[in-house]
Amino acid sequence: MTQRSGTRNSLTSTPVQIGALVVGVVFLLAGIMGFIPGITTNYDAMTFAGHESEAMLLGIFQVSVLHNIVHLLFGVAGVAMARLASSARLFLIGGGIIYLVLWIYGLAIDHQSEANFIPVNTAADWLHFWLGIGMVALGILLPMLNRGRAGTRPTHQFE
């Protein structure tokens, strides 16, 4: 909580908390959109998991029920972990590392094999790379923004 002129700001938060919240909301939206016919093309060809799923989020990214659930879970984690600056940073850096590992996994497997259980395609592989880089960068750089502000101190929790 930050106090200014004797008043309490009920929604004061740090840049890293806002970053984690925004990323969490984006994951929630991606997970929801994956279940909406039209936004997800070939919706009727979606499988629970596996490379056989022909559903494509925005007509580009191969998805399945499992893939959409993972997006929803990441979104819930981001929103929940945004409550504290330390956990927001952990979400961004840890989640970014997970996405970089997923990028490497997607490059290493044959997309037509049983190993592609998520499923991923080339577009998703490169999206995972940029998500991973972006999340790690936000987790490292956003806490620095708060340190440079004169007269402010980090806020650790939404109220």
C-alpha atoms as a PDB file:
ATOM      1  CA  MET A   1       0.000   0.000   0.000  1.00  0.00           C
ATOM      2  CA  THR A   2       1.273   3.451  -0.883  1.00  0.00           C
ATOM      3  CA  GLN A   3       0.148   6.485   1.051  1.00  0.00           C
ATOM      4  CA  ARG A   4       0.067   9.924  -0.509  1.00  0.00           C
ATOM      5  CA  SER A   5      -1.045  13.008   1.391  1.00  0.00           C
ATOM      6  CA  GLY A   6      -2.588  10.833   4.080  1.00  0.00           C
ATOM      7  CA  THR A   7      -4.929   8.987   1.699  1.00  0.00           C
ATOM      8  CA  ARG A   8      -4.904   5.319   0.760  1.00  0.00           C
ATOM      9  CA  ASN A   9      -4.934   4.197  -2.853  1.00  0.00           C
ATOM     10  CA  SER A  10      -6.936   0.992  -2.938  1.00  0.00           C
ATOM     11  CA  LEU A  11      -5.705  -0.132  -6.373  1.00  0.00           C
ATOM     12  CA  THR A  12      -2.037   0.834  -6.127  1.00  0.00           C
ATOM     13  CA  SER A  13       0.281  -1.772  -7.615  1.00  0.00           C
ATOM     14  CA  THR A  14       3.764  -2.116  -9.015  1.00  0.00           C
ATOM     15  CA  PRO A  15       4.602  -2.323 -12.734  1.00  0.00           C
ATOM     16  CA  VAL A  16       5.459  -6.034 -12.379  1.00  0.00           C
ATOM     17  CA  GLN A  17       2.040  -6.720 -10.832  1.00  0.00           C
ATOM     18  CA  ILE A  18       0.305  -4.903 -13.670  1.00  0.00           C
ATOM     19  CA  GLY A  19       2.429  -6.811 -16.197  1.00  0.00           C
ATOM     20  CA  ALA A  20       1.515 -10.181 -14.669  1.00  0.00           C
ATOM     21  CA  LEU A  21      -2.153  -9.195 -14.554  1.00  0.00           C
ATOM     22  CA  VAL A  22      -2.178  -8.163 -18.223  1.00  0.00           C
ATOM     23  CA  VAL A  23      -0.360 -11.326 -19.314  1.00  0.00           C
ATOM     24  CA  GLY A  24      -2.749 -13.423 -17.192  1.00  0.00           C
ATOM     25  CA  VAL A  25      -5.792 -11.771 -18.776  1.00  0.00           C
ATOM     26  CA  VAL A  26      -4.354 -12.351 -22.270  1.00  0.00           C
ATOM     27  CA  PHE A  27      -3.922 -16.063 -21.462  1.00  0.00           C
ATOM     28  CA  LEU A  28      -7.500 -16.198 -20.149  1.00  0.00           C
ATOM     29  CA  LEU A  29      -8.764 -14.604 -23.358  1.00  0.00           C
ATOM     30  CA  ALA A  30      -6.740 -17.024 -25.508  1.00  0.00           C
ATOM     31  CA  GLY A  31      -8.159 -19.967 -23.541  1.00  0.00           C
ATOM     32  CA  ILE A  32     -11.724 -18.706 -23.901  1.00  0.00           C
ATOM     33  CA  MET A  33     -11.325 -17.868 -27.604  1.00  0.00           C
ATOM     34  CA  GLY A  34     -10.076 -21.413 -28.207  1.00  0.00           C
ATOM     35  CA  PHE A  35     -13.561 -22.635 -27.277  1.00  0.00           C
ATOM     36  CA  ILE A  36     -15.467 -20.214 -29.540  1.00  0.00           C
ATOM     37  CA  PRO A  37     -16.423 -21.519 -32.984  1.00  0.00           C
ATOM     38  CA  GLY A  38     -15.520 -19.015 -35.670  1.00  0.00           C
ATOM     39  CA  ILE A  39     -12.626 -17.561 -33.684  1.00  0.00           C
ATOM     40  CA  THR A  40     -11.344 -21.126 -33.677  1.00  0.00           C
ATOM     41  CA  THR A  41     -11.648 -22.549 -37.172  1.00  0.00           C
ATOM     42  CA  ASN A  42     -12.416 -26.260 -37.705  1.00  0.00           C
ATOM     43  CA  TYR A  43     -13.918 -26.178 -34.221  1.00  0.00           C
ATOM     44  CA  ASP A  44     -15.814 -29.420 -34.845  1.00  0.00           C
ATOM     45  CA  ALA A  45     -12.475 -31.182 -35.520  1.00  0.00           C
ATOM     46  CA  MET A  46     -11.050 -30.279 -32.073  1.00  0.00           C
ATOM     47  CA  THR A  47      -9.869 -33.242 -30.020  1.00  0.00           C
ATOM     48  CA  PHE A  48      -9.106 -33.374 -26.308  1.00  0.00           C
ATOM     49  CA  ALA A  49      -5.369 -33.673 -27.015  1.00  0.00           C
ATOM     50  CA  GLY A  50      -2.994 -34.869 -29.702  1.00  0.00           C
ATOM     51  CA  HIS A  51      -1.704 -33.869 -33.086  1.00  0.00           C
ATOM     52  CA  GLU A  52      -4.926 -35.040 -34.760  1.00  0.00           C
ATOM     53  CA  SER A  53      -6.784 -31.918 -33.606  1.00  0.00           C
ATOM     54  CA  GLU A  54      -7.496 -29.758 -36.634  1.00  0.00           C
ATOM     55  CA  ALA A  55      -8.898 -26.813 -34.670  1.00  0.00           C
ATOM     56  CA  MET A  56      -6.992 -23.581 -35.275  1.00  0.00           C
ATOM     57  CA  LEU A  57      -7.210 -20.555 -32.996  1.00  0.00           C
ATOM     58  CA  LEU A  58      -7.546 -17.495 -35.261  1.00  0.00           C
ATOM     59  CA  GLY A  59      -6.998 -19.922 -38.153  1.00  0.00           C
ATOM     60  CA  ILE A  60      -3.261 -20.030 -37.288  1.00  0.00           C
ATOM     61  CA  PHE A  61      -2.467 -21.833 -34.033  1.00  0.00           C
ATOM     62  CA  GLN A  62      -3.334 -25.516 -33.636  1.00  0.00           C
ATOM     63  CA  VAL A  63      -5.306 -26.058 -30.415  1.00  0.00           C
ATOM     64  CA  SER A  64      -7.065 -28.787 -28.513  1.00  0.00           C
ATOM     65  CA  VAL A  65      -9.192 -28.880 -25.389  1.00  0.00           C
ATOM     66  CA  LEU A  66      -6.035 -29.578 -23.372  1.00  0.00           C
ATOM     67  CA  HIS A  67      -4.193 -26.676 -25.011  1.00  0.00           C
ATOM     68  CA  ASN A  68      -7.081 -24.306 -24.201  1.00  0.00           C
ATOM     69  CA  ILE A  69      -7.218 -25.531 -20.604  1.00  0.00           C
ATOM     70  CA  VAL A  70      -3.481 -24.861 -20.239  1.00  0.00           C
ATOM     71  CA  HIS A  71      -4.068 -21.276 -21.444  1.00  0.00           C
ATOM     72  CA  LEU A  72      -6.892 -20.870 -18.937  1.00  0.00           C
ATOM     73  CA  LEU A  73      -4.764 -22.240 -16.084  1.00  0.00           C
ATOM     74  CA  PHE A  74      -1.877 -19.938 -16.998  1.00  0.00           C
ATOM     75  CA  GLY A  75      -4.342 -17.062 -17.032  1.00  0.00           C
ATOM     76  CA  VAL A  76      -5.737 -17.894 -13.611  1.00  0.00           C
ATOM     77  CA  ALA A  77      -2.188 -18.235 -12.270  1.00  0.00           C
ATOM     78  CA  GLY A  78      -1.186 -14.849 -13.715  1.00  0.00           C
ATOM     79  CA  VAL A  79      -4.199 -13.049 -12.263  1.00  0.00           C
ATOM     80  CA  ALA A  80      -3.778 -14.716  -8.862  1.00  0.00           C
ATOM     81  CA  MET A  81      -0.019 -14.191  -8.725  1.00  0.00           C
ATOM     82  CA  ALA A  82      -0.384 -10.520  -9.673  1.00  0.00           C
ATOM     83  CA  ARG A  83      -1.562  -9.817  -6.120  1.00  0.00           C
ATOM     84  CA  LEU A  84       2.017  -9.706  -4.816  1.00  0.00           C
ATOM     85  CA  ALA A  85       5.020  -8.184  -6.589  1.00  0.00           C
ATOM     86  CA  SER A  86       7.226 -11.156  -5.729  1.00  0.00           C
ATOM     87  CA  SER A  87       4.784 -13.741  -7.077  1.00  0.00           C
ATOM     88  CA  ALA A  88       4.031 -11.578 -10.134  1.00  0.00           C
ATOM     89  CA  ARG A  89       7.743 -11.594 -10.956  1.00  0.00           C
ATOM     90  CA  LEU A  90       7.882 -15.366 -10.391  1.00  0.00           C
ATOM     91  CA  PHE A  91       4.908 -15.872 -12.732  1.00  0.00           C
ATOM     92  CA  LEU A  92       6.508 -13.819 -15.492  1.00  0.00           C
ATOM     93  CA  ILE A  93       9.996 -15.313 -15.258  1.00  0.00           C
ATOM     94  CA  GLY A  94       8.915 -18.876 -14.427  1.00  0.00           C
ATOM     95  CA  GLY A  95       6.122 -18.860 -17.005  1.00  0.00           C
ATOM     96  CA  GLY A  96       8.494 -17.415 -19.579  1.00  0.00           C
ATOM     97  CA  ILE A  97      10.980 -20.203 -18.942  1.00  0.00           C
ATOM     98  CA  ILE A  98       8.187 -22.778 -19.306  1.00  0.00           C
ATOM     99  CA  TYR A  99       7.251 -21.267 -22.664  1.00  0.00           C
ATOM    100  CA  LEU A 100      10.879 -21.311 -23.817  1.00  0.00           C
ATOM    101  CA  VAL A 101      11.081 -25.004 -22.885  1.00  0.00           C
ATOM    102  CA  LEU A 102       7.822 -25.566 -24.798  1.00  0.00           C
ATOM    103  CA  TRP A 103       9.376 -23.764 -27.796  1.00  0.00           C
ATOM    104  CA  ILE A 104      12.397 -26.088 -27.718  1.00  0.00           C
ATOM    105  CA  TYR A 105      10.093 -29.098 -27.318  1.00  0.00           C
ATOM    106  CA  GLY A 106       8.038 -27.989 -30.329  1.00  0.00           C
ATOM    107  CA  LEU A 107      11.179 -27.646 -32.444  1.00  0.00           C
ATOM    108  CA  ALA A 108      12.533 -31.026 -31.316  1.00  0.00           C
ATOM    109  CA  ILE A 109       9.465 -33.195 -31.971  1.00  0.00           C
ATOM    110  CA  ASP A 110       7.848 -34.322 -35.173  1.00  0.00           C
ATOM    111  CA  HIS A 111       4.550 -32.426 -35.263  1.00  0.00           C
ATOM    112  CA  GLN A 112       2.850 -35.494 -36.764  1.00  0.00           C
ATOM    113  CA  SER A 113       3.981 -37.846 -33.979  1.00  0.00           C
ATOM    114  CA  GLU A 114       2.363 -38.948 -30.730  1.00  0.00           C
ATOM    115  CA  ALA A 115       4.883 -36.723 -28.913  1.00  0.00           C
ATOM    116  CA  ASN A 116       2.837 -33.737 -30.105  1.00  0.00           C
ATOM    117  CA  PHE A 117       0.156 -34.293 -27.479  1.00  0.00           C
ATOM    118  CA  ILE A 118      -0.484 -30.606 -26.697  1.00  0.00           C
ATOM    119  CA  PRO A 119      -0.671 -30.013 -29.867  1.00  0.00           C
ATOM    120  CA  VAL A 120       1.670 -27.414 -31.383  1.00  0.00           C
ATOM    121  CA  ASN A 121       2.437 -26.324 -34.927  1.00  0.00           C
ATOM    122  CA  THR A 122       5.191 -24.110 -36.338  1.00  0.00           C
ATOM    123  CA  ALA A 123       3.211 -20.912 -35.689  1.00  0.00           C
ATOM    124  CA  ALA A 124       2.640 -21.951 -32.057  1.00  0.00           C
ATOM    125  CA  ASP A 125       6.312 -22.853 -31.660  1.00  0.00           C
ATOM    126  CA  TRP A 126       7.401 -19.332 -32.585  1.00  0.00           C
ATOM    127  CA  LEU A 127       4.632 -17.744 -30.552  1.00  0.00           C
ATOM    128  CA  HIS A 128       5.926 -19.731 -27.559  1.00  0.00           C
ATOM    129  CA  PHE A 129       9.427 -18.370 -28.217  1.00  0.00           C
ATOM    130  CA  TRP A 130       8.274 -14.737 -28.251  1.00  0.00           C
ATOM    131  CA  LEU A 131       5.988 -15.272 -25.253  1.00  0.00           C
ATOM    132  CA  GLY A 132       8.878 -16.787 -23.320  1.00  0.00           C
ATOM    133  CA  ILE A 133      11.287 -13.981 -24.198  1.00  0.00           C
ATOM    134  CA  GLY A 134       8.656 -11.337 -23.492  1.00  0.00           C
ATOM    135  CA  MET A 135       7.583 -12.767 -20.146  1.00  0.00           C
ATOM    136  CA  VAL A 136      11.163 -13.193 -18.886  1.00  0.00           C
ATOM    137  CA  ALA A 137      12.024  -9.656 -20.036  1.00  0.00           C
ATOM    138  CA  LEU A 138       8.957  -8.230 -18.260  1.00  0.00           C
ATOM    139  CA  GLY A 139       9.822 -10.155 -15.100  1.00  0.00           C
ATOM    140  CA  ILE A 140      13.351  -8.731 -15.115  1.00  0.00           C
ATOM    141  CA  LEU A 141      12.714  -5.191 -16.357  1.00  0.00           C
ATOM    142  CA  LEU A 142       9.406  -4.172 -14.748  1.00  0.00           C
ATOM    143  CA  PRO A 143      10.678  -4.362 -11.140  1.00  0.00           C
ATOM    144  CA  MET A 144      13.400  -1.904 -12.146  1.00  0.00           C
ATOM    145  CA  LEU A 145      10.799   0.724 -13.069  1.00  0.00           C
ATOM    146  CA  ASN A 146       9.613   1.010  -9.485  1.00  0.00           C
ATOM    147  CA  ARG A 147      13.153   1.454  -8.135  1.00  0.00           C
ATOM    148  CA  GLY A 148      13.699   4.570 -10.219  1.00  0.00           C
ATOM    149  CA  ARG A 149      10.680   6.486  -8.901  1.00  0.00           C
ATOM    150  CA  ALA A 150      11.575   9.086  -6.318  1.00  0.00           C
ATOM    151  CA  GLY A 151       9.413   9.108  -3.236  1.00  0.00           C
ATOM    152  CA  THR A 152       7.694   5.803  -3.903  1.00  0.00           C
ATOM    153  CA  ARG A 153       8.178   2.390  -2.447  1.00  0.00           C
ATOM    154  CA  PRO A 154       7.079  -0.952  -3.854  1.00  0.00           C
ATOM    155  CA  THR A 155       3.526  -2.038  -3.277  1.00  0.00           C
ATOM    156  CA  HIS A 156       3.178  -5.703  -2.488  1.00  0.00           C
ATOM    157  CA  GLN A 157      -0.531  -6.352  -2.611  1.00  0.00           C
ATOM    158  CA  PHE A 158      -3.752  -5.167  -4.199  1.00  0.00           C
ATOM    159  CA  GLU A 159      -6.320  -4.154  -1.641  1.00  0.00           C
END
